[in-house]
Amino acid sequence: MAVAGHEGWSDSSARAVLQLMVESVAELIGFEVAALSVVVDDQLATVAYTGPEEYRTAPTPGGRTTC
């Protein structure tokens, strides 16, 4: 996901680190589903997710799914 003006955190290596963080925290705490979202242009964008696939595409409150 490349968002204009946000290239630093949205490049593939940064997304890989964010994904690893979400997976690690979920495993450590014991969560089945965990996500990391950011606000981009007044919309919530999910940048990392771990859990069952059926929940991955669930709409966010801002109506935007990107993960």
Protein backbone atom coordinates (compact mmCIF):
# COMPACT_ATOMS: atom_id res chain seq x y z
CA MET A 1 0.00 0.00 0.00
CA ALA A 2 1.69 3.20 -1.09
CA VAL A 3 0.10 6.34 0.26
CA ALA A 4 1.36 9.68 -1.03
CA GLY A 5 3.47 11.41 1.58
CA HIS A 6 3.70 8.29 3.74
CA GLU A 7 6.32 6.26 1.86
CA GLY A 8 8.51 5.75 4.96
CA TRP A 9 6.11 3.50 6.80
CA SER A 10 4.29 2.10 3.77
CA ASP A 11 7.18 0.53 1.84
CA SER A 12 7.41 -3.26 1.76
CA SER A 13 10.19 -3.59 4.37
CA ALA A 14 8.33 -1.33 6.83
CA ARG A 15 5.12 -3.30 6.27
CA ALA A 16 7.01 -6.55 6.92
CA VAL A 17 8.25 -5.18 10.26
CA LEU A 18 4.75 -4.00 11.20
CA GLN A 19 3.34 -7.43 10.27
CA LEU A 20 5.94 -9.17 12.43
CA MET A 21 5.09 -6.85 15.34
CA VAL A 22 1.37 -7.63 15.09
CA GLU A 23 2.00 -11.38 14.87
CA SER A 24 4.43 -11.30 17.81
CA VAL A 25 2.14 -9.28 20.07
CA ALA A 26 -0.85 -11.47 19.22
CA GLU A 27 1.11 -14.63 20.03
CA LEU A 28 2.58 -13.19 23.23
CA ILE A 29 -0.76 -12.00 24.57
CA GLY A 30 -2.79 -14.87 23.15
CA PHE A 31 -5.05 -12.94 20.78
CA GLU A 32 -6.59 -14.89 17.91
CA VAL A 33 -7.05 -11.74 15.82
CA ALA A 34 -4.90 -8.59 15.88
CA ALA A 35 -4.55 -5.67 13.52
CA LEU A 36 -2.58 -2.46 13.26
CA SER A 37 -4.36 0.43 11.61
CA VAL A 38 -3.40 4.01 10.84
CA VAL A 39 -5.41 7.05 9.86
CA VAL A 40 -4.72 8.22 6.31
CA ASP A 41 -6.65 11.19 4.94
CA ASP A 42 -9.28 10.85 7.69
CA GLN A 43 -9.79 7.15 6.90
CA LEU A 44 -8.70 4.11 8.90
CA ALA A 45 -6.31 1.88 6.92
CA THR A 46 -5.22 -1.54 8.22
CA VAL A 47 -1.52 -2.06 7.54
CA ALA A 48 -0.93 -5.36 9.39
CA TYR A 49 -3.25 -8.23 10.33
CA THR A 50 -3.02 -11.68 11.84
CA GLY A 51 -5.88 -14.12 12.34
CA PRO A 52 -8.44 -16.10 10.38
CA GLU A 53 -8.95 -15.01 6.77
CA GLU A 54 -12.70 -14.56 7.24
CA TYR A 55 -12.02 -11.53 9.46
CA ARG A 56 -9.33 -9.96 7.25
CA THR A 57 -11.81 -8.39 4.84
CA ALA A 58 -14.28 -7.21 7.47
CA PRO A 59 -14.94 -3.52 6.90
CA THR A 60 -13.35 -1.07 9.30
CA PRO A 61 -15.31 1.81 10.84
CA GLY A 62 -13.93 4.09 8.11
CA GLY A 63 -15.05 1.61 5.45
CA ARG A 64 -11.52 0.98 4.16
CA THR A 65 -9.73 -2.36 4.19
CA THR A 66 -6.19 -2.46 2.86
CA CYS A 67 -4.57 -5.50 4.36
